[in-house]
């Protein structure tokens, strides 16, 4: 799993460097997104 994460992260950065990633344009409520992430990290924290 560690190898998989490492390879996936490297591929992600390679795509970003080559301009292959195109971010969508949608309205984002950052407070809602942060609260959702807190729920995900709550057990570890």
ModelCIF file with pLDDT and N, C-alpha, C, O atoms, coordinates in Angstrom:
data_MODEL
#
_entry.id   MODEL 
#
_entity.id                         1 
_entity.type                       polymer 
_entity.pdbx_number_of_molecules   1 
#
_entity_poly.entity_id                      1 
_entity_poly.type                           'polypeptide(L)' 
_entity_poly.nstd_linkage                   no 
_entity_poly.nstd_monomer                   no 
_entity_poly.pdbx_seq_one_letter_code       
;(UNK)(UNK)(UNK)(UNK)(UNK)(UNK)(UNK)(UNK)(UNK)(UNK)(UNK)(UNK)(UNK)(UNK)(UNK)(UNK)
(UNK)(UNK)(UNK)(UNK)(UNK)(UNK)(UNK)(UNK)(UNK)(UNK)(UNK)(UNK)(UNK)(UNK)(UNK)(UNK)
(UNK)(UNK)(UNK)(UNK)(UNK)(UNK)(UNK)(UNK)(UNK)(UNK)(UNK)(UNK)(UNK)
;
_entity_poly.pdbx_seq_one_letter_code_can   XXXXXXXXXXXXXXXXXXXXXXXXXXXXXXXXXXXXXXXXXXXXX 
_entity_poly.pdbx_strand_id                 A 
#
loop_
_entity_poly_seq.entity_id 
_entity_poly_seq.num 
_entity_poly_seq.mon_id 
_entity_poly_seq.hetero 
1 1  UNK n 
1 2  UNK n 
1 3  UNK n 
1 4  UNK n 
1 5  UNK n 
1 6  UNK n 
1 7  UNK n 
1 8  UNK n 
1 9  UNK n 
1 10 UNK n 
1 11 UNK n 
1 12 UNK n 
1 13 UNK n 
1 14 UNK n 
1 15 UNK n 
1 16 UNK n 
1 17 UNK n 
1 18 UNK n 
1 19 UNK n 
1 20 UNK n 
1 21 UNK n 
1 22 UNK n 
1 23 UNK n 
1 24 UNK n 
1 25 UNK n 
1 26 UNK n 
1 27 UNK n 
1 28 UNK n 
1 29 UNK n 
1 30 UNK n 
1 31 UNK n 
1 32 UNK n 
1 33 UNK n 
1 34 UNK n 
1 35 UNK n 
1 36 UNK n 
1 37 UNK n 
1 38 UNK n 
1 39 UNK n 
1 40 UNK n 
1 41 UNK n 
1 42 UNK n 
1 43 UNK n 
1 44 UNK n 
1 45 UNK n 
#
_struct_asym.id          A 
_struct_asym.entity_id   1 
#
loop_
_ma_qa_metric.id 
_ma_qa_metric.mode 
_ma_qa_metric.name 
_ma_qa_metric.software_group_id 
_ma_qa_metric.type 
1 global pLDDT . pLDDT 
2 local  pLDDT . pLDDT 
#
_ma_qa_metric_global.metric_id      1 
_ma_qa_metric_global.metric_value   86.69 
_ma_qa_metric_global.model_id       1 
_ma_qa_metric_global.ordinal_id     1 
#
loop_
_ma_qa_metric_local.label_asym_id 
_ma_qa_metric_local.label_comp_id 
_ma_qa_metric_local.label_seq_id 
_ma_qa_metric_local.metric_id 
_ma_qa_metric_local.metric_value 
_ma_qa_metric_local.model_id 
_ma_qa_metric_local.ordinal_id 
A UNK 1  2 84.00 1 1  
A UNK 2  2 81.00 1 2  
A UNK 3  2 83.00 1 3  
A UNK 4  2 85.00 1 4  
A UNK 5  2 81.00 1 5  
A UNK 6  2 80.00 1 6  
A UNK 7  2 83.00 1 7  
A UNK 8  2 84.00 1 8  
A UNK 9  2 80.00 1 9  
A UNK 10 2 79.00 1 10 
A UNK 11 2 83.00 1 11 
A UNK 12 2 82.00 1 12 
A UNK 13 2 80.00 1 13 
A UNK 14 2 80.00 1 14 
A UNK 15 2 82.00 1 15 
A UNK 16 2 81.00 1 16 
A UNK 17 2 75.00 1 17 
A UNK 18 2 75.00 1 18 
A UNK 19 2 75.00 1 19 
A UNK 20 2 79.00 1 20 
A UNK 21 2 82.00 1 21 
A UNK 22 2 85.00 1 22 
A UNK 23 2 87.00 1 23 
A UNK 24 2 86.00 1 24 
A UNK 25 2 87.00 1 25 
A UNK 26 2 90.00 1 26 
A UNK 27 2 91.00 1 27 
A UNK 28 2 91.00 1 28 
A UNK 29 2 93.00 1 29 
A UNK 30 2 93.00 1 30 
A UNK 31 2 94.00 1 31 
A UNK 32 2 94.00 1 32 
A UNK 33 2 94.00 1 33 
A UNK 34 2 94.00 1 34 
A UNK 35 2 94.00 1 35 
A UNK 36 2 94.00 1 36 
A UNK 37 2 94.00 1 37 
A UNK 38 2 94.00 1 38 
A UNK 39 2 94.00 1 39 
A UNK 40 2 93.00 1 40 
A UNK 41 2 94.00 1 41 
A UNK 42 2 93.00 1 42 
A UNK 43 2 92.00 1 43 
A UNK 44 2 93.00 1 44 
A UNK 45 2 93.00 1 45 
#
loop_
_atom_site.group_PDB 
_atom_site.id 
_atom_site.type_symbol 
_atom_site.label_atom_id 
_atom_site.label_alt_id 
_atom_site.label_comp_id 
_atom_site.label_asym_id 
_atom_site.label_entity_id 
_atom_site.label_seq_id 
_atom_site.pdbx_PDB_ins_code 
_atom_site.Cartn_x 
_atom_site.Cartn_y 
_atom_site.Cartn_z 
_atom_site.occupancy 
_atom_site.B_iso_or_equiv 
_atom_site.pdbx_formal_charge 
_atom_site.auth_seq_id 
_atom_site.auth_comp_id 
_atom_site.auth_asym_id 
_atom_site.auth_atom_id 
_atom_site.pdbx_PDB_model_num 
ATOM 1   N N  . UNK A 1 1  ? 0.841   -1.207 0.000   1.00 84.00 ? 1  UNK A N  1 
ATOM 2   C CA . UNK A 1 1  ? 0.000   0.000  0.000   1.00 84.00 ? 1  UNK A CA 1 
ATOM 3   C C  . UNK A 1 1  ? 0.872   1.252  0.000   1.00 84.00 ? 1  UNK A C  1 
ATOM 4   O O  . UNK A 1 1  ? 0.552   2.238  -0.664  1.00 84.00 ? 1  UNK A O  1 
ATOM 5   N N  . UNK A 1 2  ? 1.973   1.209  0.745   1.00 81.00 ? 2  UNK A N  1 
ATOM 6   C CA . UNK A 1 2  ? 2.885   2.359  0.758   1.00 81.00 ? 2  UNK A CA 1 
ATOM 7   C C  . UNK A 1 2  ? 3.481   2.579  -0.626  1.00 81.00 ? 2  UNK A C  1 
ATOM 8   O O  . UNK A 1 2  ? 3.583   3.713  -1.095  1.00 81.00 ? 2  UNK A O  1 
ATOM 9   N N  . UNK A 1 3  ? 3.876   1.484  -1.279  1.00 83.00 ? 3  UNK A N  1 
ATOM 10  C CA . UNK A 1 3  ? 4.398   1.604  -2.638  1.00 83.00 ? 3  UNK A CA 1 
ATOM 11  C C  . UNK A 1 3  ? 3.338   2.160  -3.587  1.00 83.00 ? 3  UNK A C  1 
ATOM 12  O O  . UNK A 1 3  ? 3.632   2.987  -4.449  1.00 83.00 ? 3  UNK A O  1 
ATOM 13  N N  . UNK A 1 4  ? 2.113   1.697  -3.416  1.00 85.00 ? 4  UNK A N  1 
ATOM 14  C CA . UNK A 1 4  ? 1.026   2.176  -4.280  1.00 85.00 ? 4  UNK A CA 1 
ATOM 15  C C  . UNK A 1 4  ? 0.794   3.667  -4.105  1.00 85.00 ? 4  UNK A C  1 
ATOM 16  O O  . UNK A 1 4  ? 0.629   4.399  -5.081  1.00 85.00 ? 4  UNK A O  1 
ATOM 17  N N  . UNK A 1 5  ? 0.780   4.122  -2.822  1.00 81.00 ? 5  UNK A N  1 
ATOM 18  C CA . UNK A 1 5  ? 0.597   5.559  -2.580  1.00 81.00 ? 5  UNK A CA 1 
ATOM 19  C C  . UNK A 1 5  ? 1.742   6.359  -3.180  1.00 81.00 ? 5  UNK A C  1 
ATOM 20  O O  . UNK A 1 5  ? 1.530   7.414  -3.776  1.00 81.00 ? 5  UNK A O  1 
ATOM 21  N N  . UNK A 1 6  ? 2.962   5.846  -3.016  1.00 80.00 ? 6  UNK A N  1 
ATOM 22  C CA . UNK A 1 6  ? 4.115   6.564  -3.550  1.00 80.00 ? 6  UNK A CA 1 
ATOM 23  C C  . UNK A 1 6  ? 4.040   6.676  -5.066  1.00 80.00 ? 6  UNK A C  1 
ATOM 24  O O  . UNK A 1 6  ? 4.267   7.749  -5.625  1.00 80.00 ? 6  UNK A O  1 
ATOM 25  N N  . UNK A 1 7  ? 3.727   5.588  -5.720  1.00 83.00 ? 7  UNK A N  1 
ATOM 26  C CA . UNK A 1 7  ? 3.640   5.602  -7.188  1.00 83.00 ? 7  UNK A CA 1 
ATOM 27  C C  . UNK A 1 7  ? 2.505   6.494  -7.652  1.00 83.00 ? 7  UNK A C  1 
ATOM 28  O O  . UNK A 1 7  ? 2.664   7.249  -8.611  1.00 83.00 ? 7  UNK A O  1 
ATOM 29  N N  . UNK A 1 8  ? 1.355   6.418  -6.982  1.00 84.00 ? 8  UNK A N  1 
ATOM 30  C CA . UNK A 1 8  ? 0.222   7.262  -7.367  1.00 84.00 ? 8  UNK A CA 1 
ATOM 31  C C  . UNK A 1 8  ? 0.552   8.746  -7.191  1.00 84.00 ? 8  UNK A C  1 
ATOM 32  O O  . UNK A 1 8  ? 0.194   9.570  -8.032  1.00 84.00 ? 8  UNK A O  1 
ATOM 33  N N  . UNK A 1 9  ? 1.234   9.078  -6.096  1.00 80.00 ? 9  UNK A N  1 
ATOM 34  C CA . UNK A 1 9  ? 1.602   10.477 -5.876  1.00 80.00 ? 9  UNK A CA 1 
ATOM 35  C C  . UNK A 1 9  ? 2.593   10.956 -6.939  1.00 80.00 ? 9  UNK A C  1 
ATOM 36  O O  . UNK A 1 9  ? 2.493   12.080 -7.429  1.00 80.00 ? 9  UNK A O  1 
ATOM 37  N N  . UNK A 1 10 ? 3.541   10.102 -7.287  1.00 79.00 ? 10 UNK A N  1 
ATOM 38  C CA . UNK A 1 10 ? 4.499   10.480 -8.324  1.00 79.00 ? 10 UNK A CA 1 
ATOM 39  C C  . UNK A 1 10 ? 3.802   10.681 -9.668  1.00 79.00 ? 10 UNK A C  1 
ATOM 40  O O  . UNK A 1 10 ? 4.111   11.630 -10.389 1.00 79.00 ? 10 UNK A O  1 
ATOM 41  N N  . UNK A 1 11 ? 2.872   9.803  -10.006 1.00 83.00 ? 11 UNK A N  1 
ATOM 42  C CA . UNK A 1 11 ? 2.121   9.956  -11.256 1.00 83.00 ? 11 UNK A CA 1 
ATOM 43  C C  . UNK A 1 11 ? 1.276   11.229 -11.238 1.00 83.00 ? 11 UNK A C  1 
ATOM 44  O O  . UNK A 1 11 ? 1.138   11.909 -12.255 1.00 83.00 ? 11 UNK A O  1 
ATOM 45  N N  . UNK A 1 12 ? 0.712   11.540 -10.073 1.00 82.00 ? 12 UNK A N  1 
ATOM 46  C CA . UNK A 1 12 ? -0.105  12.754 -9.955  1.00 82.00 ? 12 UNK A CA 1 
ATOM 47  C C  . UNK A 1 12 ? 0.742   14.002 -10.209 1.00 82.00 ? 12 UNK A C  1 
ATOM 48  O O  . UNK A 1 12 ? 0.332   14.905 -10.940 1.00 82.00 ? 12 UNK A O  1 
ATOM 49  N N  . UNK A 1 13 ? 1.922   14.039 -9.600  1.00 80.00 ? 13 UNK A N  1 
ATOM 50  C CA . UNK A 1 13 ? 2.813   15.184 -9.804  1.00 80.00 ? 13 UNK A CA 1 
ATOM 51  C C  . UNK A 1 13 ? 3.303   15.251 -11.239 1.00 80.00 ? 13 UNK A C  1 
ATOM 52  O O  . UNK A 1 13 ? 3.439   16.342 -11.793 1.00 80.00 ? 13 UNK A O  1 
ATOM 53  N N  . UNK A 1 14 ? 3.572   14.104 -11.851 1.00 80.00 ? 14 UNK A N  1 
ATOM 54  C CA . UNK A 1 14 ? 4.014   14.104 -13.244 1.00 80.00 ? 14 UNK A CA 1 
ATOM 55  C C  . UNK A 1 14 ? 2.926   14.657 -14.157 1.00 80.00 ? 14 UNK A C  1 
ATOM 56  O O  . UNK A 1 14 ? 3.222   15.410 -15.085 1.00 80.00 ? 14 UNK A O  1 
ATOM 57  N N  . UNK A 1 15 ? 1.687   14.296 -13.909 1.00 82.00 ? 15 UNK A N  1 
ATOM 58  C CA . UNK A 1 15 ? 0.575   14.833 -14.704 1.00 82.00 ? 15 UNK A CA 1 
ATOM 59  C C  . UNK A 1 15 ? 0.413   16.327 -14.473 1.00 82.00 ? 15 UNK A C  1 
ATOM 60  O O  . UNK A 1 15 ? 0.110   17.074 -15.403 1.00 82.00 ? 15 UNK A O  1 
ATOM 61  N N  . UNK A 1 16 ? 0.615   16.766 -13.228 1.00 81.00 ? 16 UNK A N  1 
ATOM 62  C CA . UNK A 1 16 ? 0.522   18.207 -12.942 1.00 81.00 ? 16 UNK A CA 1 
ATOM 63  C C  . UNK A 1 16 ? 1.631   18.971 -13.653 1.00 81.00 ? 16 UNK A C  1 
ATOM 64  O O  . UNK A 1 16 ? 1.393   20.047 -14.201 1.00 81.00 ? 16 UNK A O  1 
ATOM 65  N N  . UNK A 1 17 ? 2.856   18.412 -13.646 1.00 75.00 ? 17 UNK A N  1 
ATOM 66  C CA . UNK A 1 17 ? 3.971   19.090 -14.310 1.00 75.00 ? 17 UNK A CA 1 
ATOM 67  C C  . UNK A 1 17 ? 3.735   19.204 -15.809 1.00 75.00 ? 17 UNK A C  1 
ATOM 68  O O  . UNK A 1 17 ? 4.132   20.201 -16.412 1.00 75.00 ? 17 UNK A O  1 
ATOM 69  N N  . UNK A 1 18 ? 3.109   18.227 -16.421 1.00 75.00 ? 18 UNK A N  1 
ATOM 70  C CA . UNK A 1 18 ? 2.887   18.234 -17.868 1.00 75.00 ? 18 UNK A CA 1 
ATOM 71  C C  . UNK A 1 18 ? 1.604   18.950 -18.254 1.00 75.00 ? 18 UNK A C  1 
ATOM 72  O O  . UNK A 1 18 ? 1.248   18.990 -19.431 1.00 75.00 ? 18 UNK A O  1 
ATOM 73  N N  . UNK A 1 19 ? 0.902   19.519 -17.271 1.00 75.00 ? 19 UNK A N  1 
ATOM 74  C CA . UNK A 1 19 ? -0.309  20.265 -17.581 1.00 75.00 ? 19 UNK A CA 1 
ATOM 75  C C  . UNK A 1 19 ? -1.482  19.397 -17.965 1.00 75.00 ? 19 UNK A C  1 
ATOM 76  O O  . UNK A 1 19 ? -2.394  19.852 -18.656 1.00 75.00 ? 19 UNK A O  1 
ATOM 77  N N  . UNK A 1 20 ? -1.471  18.135 -17.518 1.00 79.00 ? 20 UNK A N  1 
ATOM 78  C CA . UNK A 1 20 ? -2.560  17.230 -17.873 1.00 79.00 ? 20 UNK A CA 1 
ATOM 79  C C  . UNK A 1 20 ? -3.730  17.311 -16.903 1.00 79.00 ? 20 UNK A C  1 
ATOM 80  O O  . UNK A 1 20 ? -4.796  16.754 -17.168 1.00 79.00 ? 20 UNK A O  1 
ATOM 81  N N  . UNK A 1 21 ? -3.541  18.003 -15.773 1.00 82.00 ? 21 UNK A N  1 
ATOM 82  C CA . UNK A 1 21 ? -4.625  18.161 -14.806 1.00 82.00 ? 21 UNK A CA 1 
ATOM 83  C C  . UNK A 1 21 ? -5.356  19.470 -15.056 1.00 82.00 ? 21 UNK A C  1 
ATOM 84  O O  . UNK A 1 21 ? -4.733  20.531 -15.101 1.00 82.00 ? 21 UNK A O  1 
ATOM 85  N N  . UNK A 1 22 ? -6.640  19.404 -15.217 1.00 85.00 ? 22 UNK A N  1 
ATOM 86  C CA . UNK A 1 22 ? -7.454  20.586 -15.456 1.00 85.00 ? 22 UNK A CA 1 
ATOM 87  C C  . UNK A 1 22 ? -8.490  20.697 -14.338 1.00 85.00 ? 22 UNK A C  1 
ATOM 88  O O  . UNK A 1 22 ? -9.462  19.942 -14.326 1.00 85.00 ? 22 UNK A O  1 
ATOM 89  N N  . UNK A 1 23 ? -8.296  21.626 -13.401 1.00 87.00 ? 23 UNK A N  1 
ATOM 90  C CA . UNK A 1 23 ? -9.256  21.736 -12.299 1.00 87.00 ? 23 UNK A CA 1 
ATOM 91  C C  . UNK A 1 23 ? -10.624 22.195 -12.783 1.00 87.00 ? 23 UNK A C  1 
ATOM 92  O O  . UNK A 1 23 ? -10.743 23.052 -13.659 1.00 87.00 ? 23 UNK A O  1 
ATOM 93  N N  . UNK A 1 24 ? -11.648 21.601 -12.188 1.00 86.00 ? 24 UNK A N  1 
ATOM 94  C CA . UNK A 1 24 ? -13.011 22.038 -12.488 1.00 86.00 ? 24 UNK A CA 1 
ATOM 95  C C  . UNK A 1 24 ? -13.270 23.390 -11.841 1.00 86.00 ? 24 UNK A C  1 
ATOM 96  O O  . UNK A 1 24 ? -12.501 23.842 -10.992 1.00 86.00 ? 24 UNK A O  1 
ATOM 97  N N  . UNK A 1 25 ? -14.363 24.032 -12.252 1.00 87.00 ? 25 UNK A N  1 
ATOM 98  C CA . UNK A 1 25 ? -14.732 25.327 -11.704 1.00 87.00 ? 25 UNK A CA 1 
ATOM 99  C C  . UNK A 1 25 ? -16.124 25.211 -11.079 1.00 87.00 ? 25 UNK A C  1 
ATOM 100 O O  . UNK A 1 25 ? -17.144 25.358 -11.753 1.00 87.00 ? 25 UNK A O  1 
ATOM 101 N N  . UNK A 1 26 ? -16.135 24.945 -9.786  1.00 90.00 ? 26 UNK A N  1 
ATOM 102 C CA . UNK A 1 26 ? -17.387 24.829 -9.050  1.00 90.00 ? 26 UNK A CA 1 
ATOM 103 C C  . UNK A 1 26 ? -17.262 25.607 -7.749  1.00 90.00 ? 26 UNK A C  1 
ATOM 104 O O  . UNK A 1 26 ? -16.169 25.804 -7.217  1.00 90.00 ? 26 UNK A O  1 
ATOM 105 N N  . UNK A 1 27 ? -18.422 26.043 -7.252  1.00 91.00 ? 27 UNK A N  1 
ATOM 106 C CA . UNK A 1 27 ? -18.386 26.808 -6.006  1.00 91.00 ? 27 UNK A CA 1 
ATOM 107 C C  . UNK A 1 27 ? -18.099 25.870 -4.848  1.00 91.00 ? 27 UNK A C  1 
ATOM 108 O O  . UNK A 1 27 ? -18.740 24.829 -4.705  1.00 91.00 ? 27 UNK A O  1 
ATOM 109 N N  . UNK A 1 28 ? -17.125 26.249 -4.019  1.00 91.00 ? 28 UNK A N  1 
ATOM 110 C CA . UNK A 1 28 ? -16.700 25.402 -2.900  1.00 91.00 ? 28 UNK A CA 1 
ATOM 111 C C  . UNK A 1 28 ? -16.877 26.170 -1.606  1.00 91.00 ? 28 UNK A C  1 
ATOM 112 O O  . UNK A 1 28 ? -16.339 27.266 -1.447  1.00 91.00 ? 28 UNK A O  1 
ATOM 113 N N  . UNK A 1 29 ? -17.635 25.594 -0.678  1.00 93.00 ? 29 UNK A N  1 
ATOM 114 C CA . UNK A 1 29 ? -17.732 26.131 0.676   1.00 93.00 ? 29 UNK A CA 1 
ATOM 115 C C  . UNK A 1 29 ? -16.610 25.492 1.475   1.00 93.00 ? 29 UNK A C  1 
ATOM 116 O O  . UNK A 1 29 ? -16.709 24.324 1.853   1.00 93.00 ? 29 UNK A O  1 
ATOM 117 N N  . UNK A 1 30 ? -15.564 26.223 1.732   1.00 93.00 ? 30 UNK A N  1 
ATOM 118 C CA . UNK A 1 30 ? -14.384 25.664 2.384   1.00 93.00 ? 30 UNK A CA 1 
ATOM 119 C C  . UNK A 1 30 ? -14.679 25.200 3.806   1.00 93.00 ? 30 UNK A C  1 
ATOM 120 O O  . UNK A 1 30 ? -14.060 24.243 4.272   1.00 93.00 ? 30 UNK A O  1 
ATOM 121 N N  . UNK A 1 31 ? -15.596 25.844 4.500   1.00 94.00 ? 31 UNK A N  1 
ATOM 122 C CA . UNK A 1 31 ? -15.942 25.419 5.869   1.00 94.00 ? 31 UNK A CA 1 
ATOM 123 C C  . UNK A 1 31 ? -16.534 24.020 5.850   1.00 94.00 ? 31 UNK A C  1 
ATOM 124 O O  . UNK A 1 31 ? -16.210 23.195 6.705   1.00 94.00 ? 31 UNK A O  1 
ATOM 125 N N  . UNK A 1 32 ? -17.403 23.746 4.876   1.00 94.00 ? 32 UNK A N  1 
ATOM 126 C CA . UNK A 1 32 ? -18.017 22.414 4.775   1.00 94.00 ? 32 UNK A CA 1 
ATOM 127 C C  . UNK A 1 32 ? -16.952 21.367 4.487   1.00 94.00 ? 32 UNK A C  1 
ATOM 128 O O  . UNK A 1 32 ? -16.974 20.279 5.062   1.00 94.00 ? 32 UNK A O  1 
ATOM 129 N N  . UNK A 1 33 ? -16.007 21.699 3.586   1.00 94.00 ? 33 UNK A N  1 
ATOM 130 C CA . UNK A 1 33 ? -14.953 20.749 3.239   1.00 94.00 ? 33 UNK A CA 1 
ATOM 131 C C  . UNK A 1 33 ? -14.042 20.467 4.433   1.00 94.00 ? 33 UNK A C  1 
ATOM 132 O O  . UNK A 1 33 ? -13.666 19.318 4.663   1.00 94.00 ? 33 UNK A O  1 
ATOM 133 N N  . UNK A 1 34 ? -13.688 21.492 5.185   1.00 94.00 ? 34 UNK A N  1 
ATOM 134 C CA . UNK A 1 34 ? -12.820 21.288 6.347   1.00 94.00 ? 34 UNK A CA 1 
ATOM 135 C C  . UNK A 1 34 ? -13.525 20.442 7.411   1.00 94.00 ? 34 UNK A C  1 
ATOM 136 O O  . UNK A 1 34 ? -12.911 19.562 8.015   1.00 94.00 ? 34 UNK A O  1 
ATOM 137 N N  . UNK A 1 35 ? -14.808 20.708 7.636   1.00 94.00 ? 35 UNK A N  1 
ATOM 138 C CA . UNK A 1 35 ? -15.553 19.921 8.629   1.00 94.00 ? 35 UNK A CA 1 
ATOM 139 C C  . UNK A 1 35 ? -15.610 18.453 8.220   1.00 94.00 ? 35 UNK A C  1 
ATOM 140 O O  . UNK A 1 35 ? -15.507 17.567 9.068   1.00 94.00 ? 35 UNK A O  1 
ATOM 141 N N  . UNK A 1 36 ? -15.774 18.194 6.922   1.00 94.00 ? 36 UNK A N  1 
ATOM 142 C CA . UNK A 1 36 ? -15.790 16.805 6.447   1.00 94.00 ? 36 UNK A CA 1 
ATOM 143 C C  . UNK A 1 36 ? -14.442 16.135 6.664   1.00 94.00 ? 36 UNK A C  1 
ATOM 144 O O  . UNK A 1 36 ? -14.387 14.958 7.020   1.00 94.00 ? 36 UNK A O  1 
ATOM 145 N N  . UNK A 1 37 ? -13.366 16.861 6.458   1.00 94.00 ? 37 UNK A N  1 
ATOM 146 C CA . UNK A 1 37 ? -12.030 16.309 6.694   1.00 94.00 ? 37 UNK A CA 1 
ATOM 147 C C  . UNK A 1 37 ? -11.796 16.057 8.178   1.00 94.00 ? 37 UNK A C  1 
ATOM 148 O O  . UNK A 1 37 ? -11.136 15.084 8.542   1.00 94.00 ? 37 UNK A O  1 
ATOM 149 N N  . UNK A 1 38 ? -12.324 16.916 9.031   1.00 94.00 ? 38 UNK A N  1 
ATOM 150 C CA . UNK A 1 38 ? -12.186 16.697 10.478  1.00 94.00 ? 38 UNK A CA 1 
ATOM 151 C C  . UNK A 1 38 ? -12.845 15.380 10.880  1.00 94.00 ? 38 UNK A C  1 
ATOM 152 O O  . UNK A 1 38 ? -12.318 14.653 11.721  1.00 94.00 ? 38 UNK A O  1 
ATOM 153 N N  . UNK A 1 39 ? -13.985 15.075 10.287  1.00 94.00 ? 39 UNK A N  1 
ATOM 154 C CA . UNK A 1 39 ? -14.644 13.812 10.588  1.00 94.00 ? 39 UNK A CA 1 
ATOM 155 C C  . UNK A 1 39 ? -13.776 12.634 10.160  1.00 94.00 ? 39 UNK A C  1 
ATOM 156 O O  . UNK A 1 39 ? -13.741 11.598 10.824  1.00 94.00 ? 39 UNK A O  1 
ATOM 157 N N  . UNK A 1 40 ? -13.068 12.813 9.023   1.00 93.00 ? 40 UNK A N  1 
ATOM 158 C CA . UNK A 1 40 ? -12.216 11.724 8.524   1.00 93.00 ? 40 UNK A CA 1 
ATOM 159 C C  . UNK A 1 40 ? -11.013 11.504 9.442   1.00 93.00 ? 40 UNK A C  1 
ATOM 160 O O  . UNK A 1 40 ? -10.629 10.363 9.701   1.00 93.00 ? 40 UNK A O  1 
ATOM 161 N N  . UNK A 1 41 ? -10.409 12.614 9.940   1.00 94.00 ? 41 UNK A N  1 
ATOM 162 C CA . UNK A 1 41 ? -9.220  12.506 10.786  1.00 94.00 ? 41 UNK A CA 1 
ATOM 163 C C  . UNK A 1 41 ? -9.547  12.419 12.282  1.00 94.00 ? 41 UNK A C  1 
ATOM 164 O O  . UNK A 1 41 ? -8.641  12.373 13.114  1.00 94.00 ? 41 UNK A O  1 
ATOM 165 N N  . UNK A 1 42 ? -10.806 12.398 12.613  1.00 93.00 ? 42 UNK A N  1 
ATOM 166 C CA . UNK A 1 42 ? -11.194 12.488 14.028  1.00 93.00 ? 42 UNK A CA 1 
ATOM 167 C C  . UNK A 1 42 ? -10.644 11.316 14.850  1.00 93.00 ? 42 UNK A C  1 
ATOM 168 O O  . UNK A 1 42 ? -10.143 11.522 15.955  1.00 93.00 ? 42 UNK A O  1 
ATOM 169 N N  . UNK A 1 43 ? -10.733 10.088 14.319  1.00 92.00 ? 43 UNK A N  1 
ATOM 170 C CA . UNK A 1 43 ? -10.274 8.917  15.086  1.00 92.00 ? 43 UNK A CA 1 
ATOM 171 C C  . UNK A 1 43 ? -8.769  8.993  15.330  1.00 92.00 ? 43 UNK A C  1 
ATOM 172 O O  . UNK A 1 43 ? -8.303  8.737  16.440  1.00 92.00 ? 43 UNK A O  1 
ATOM 173 N N  . UNK A 1 44 ? -8.019  9.342  14.301  1.00 93.00 ? 44 UNK A N  1 
ATOM 174 C CA . UNK A 1 44 ? -6.563  9.431  14.460  1.00 93.00 ? 44 UNK A CA 1 
ATOM 175 C C  . UNK A 1 44 ? -6.190  10.537 15.440  1.00 93.00 ? 44 UNK A C  1 
ATOM 176 O O  . UNK A 1 44 ? -5.320  10.353 16.292  1.00 93.00 ? 44 UNK A O  1 
ATOM 177 N N  . UNK A 1 45 ? -6.859  11.698 15.315  1.00 93.00 ? 45 UNK A N  1 
ATOM 178 C CA . UNK A 1 45 ? -6.570  12.812 16.210  1.00 93.00 ? 45 UNK A CA 1 
ATOM 179 C C  . UNK A 1 45 ? -6.950  12.467 17.645  1.00 93.00 ? 45 UNK A C  1 
ATOM 180 O O  . UNK A 1 45 ? -6.777  13.290 18.544  1.00 93.00 ? 45 UNK A O  1 
#
